[in-house]
Protein backbone atom coordinates (compact mmCIF):
# COMPACT_ATOMS: atom_id res chain seq x y z
CA MET A 1 14.49 -9.74 65.23
CA ALA A 2 15.84 -11.11 68.52
CA LYS A 3 19.46 -12.12 68.78
CA LYS A 4 20.17 -15.79 69.24
CA GLU A 5 22.65 -16.60 71.93
CA ILE A 6 25.08 -19.37 71.25
CA ALA A 7 25.95 -21.60 74.17
CA VAL A 8 29.69 -21.94 74.55
CA ALA A 9 31.05 -24.87 76.48
CA ARG A 10 33.13 -23.60 79.35
CA PRO A 11 35.67 -25.71 81.16
CA SER A 12 34.59 -26.85 84.59
CA PHE A 13 37.93 -25.72 86.01
CA ASP A 14 40.22 -22.74 85.74
CA PRO A 15 42.81 -23.35 83.03
CA PRO A 16 46.43 -23.26 84.17
CA ALA A 17 48.25 -19.95 84.20
CA GLU A 18 50.78 -19.43 81.42
CA ALA A 19 53.75 -20.24 83.66
CA GLN A 20 52.11 -23.48 84.83
CA TRP A 21 51.17 -24.34 81.24
CA HIS A 22 54.79 -23.93 80.08
CA ARG A 23 56.11 -25.93 83.03
CA MET A 24 53.75 -28.82 82.34
CA ILE A 25 54.65 -28.86 78.64
CA SER A 26 58.39 -28.60 79.25
CA GLU A 27 58.32 -31.45 81.77
CA ALA A 28 56.26 -33.63 79.43
CA ALA A 29 58.61 -32.80 76.53
CA TYR A 30 61.60 -33.78 78.66
CA PHE A 31 60.03 -37.14 79.54
CA LEU A 32 59.16 -37.80 75.89
CA ALA A 33 62.79 -37.15 74.92
CA GLN A 34 64.04 -39.25 77.82
CA LYS A 35 61.78 -42.12 76.73
CA ARG A 36 63.60 -42.24 73.38
CA SER A 37 67.00 -41.80 75.08
CA PHE A 38 67.32 -38.24 73.74
CA LYS A 39 68.01 -39.62 70.25
CA ASN A 40 66.37 -39.13 66.85
CA GLY A 41 64.10 -36.24 67.62
CA SER A 42 64.03 -32.52 68.07
CA PRO A 43 63.10 -30.21 70.91
CA LEU A 44 60.36 -28.67 68.76
CA GLU A 45 58.81 -32.07 67.99
CA ASP A 46 58.98 -32.96 71.68
CA TRP A 47 57.36 -29.64 72.66
CA LEU A 48 54.52 -29.98 70.14
CA ALA A 49 53.82 -33.60 71.13
CA ALA A 50 53.89 -32.65 74.82
CA GLU A 51 51.57 -29.71 74.22
CA GLU A 52 49.04 -31.99 72.52
CA LEU A 53 49.38 -34.55 75.30
CA ILE A 54 48.74 -31.96 78.02
CA LYS A 55 45.80 -30.44 76.13
CA ASN A 56 44.21 -33.88 75.81
CA GLN A 57 44.75 -34.70 79.47
CA LEU A 58 43.25 -31.42 80.63
CA SER A 59 40.21 -31.75 78.37
CA ASP A 60 39.24 -35.21 79.64
């Protein structure tokens, strides 16, 4: 029986290197915290929200 190959969608660009990825997330997290005047939040929440934001922007 022949093997079936599964097509995997590949990004049309090279993903950012880890250092770039962290820089983009940290900057986005900072701006999210700044937007709420650095009140009523946590660095972890800001990081996770920024990570999702960056992932969505890069996948568009």
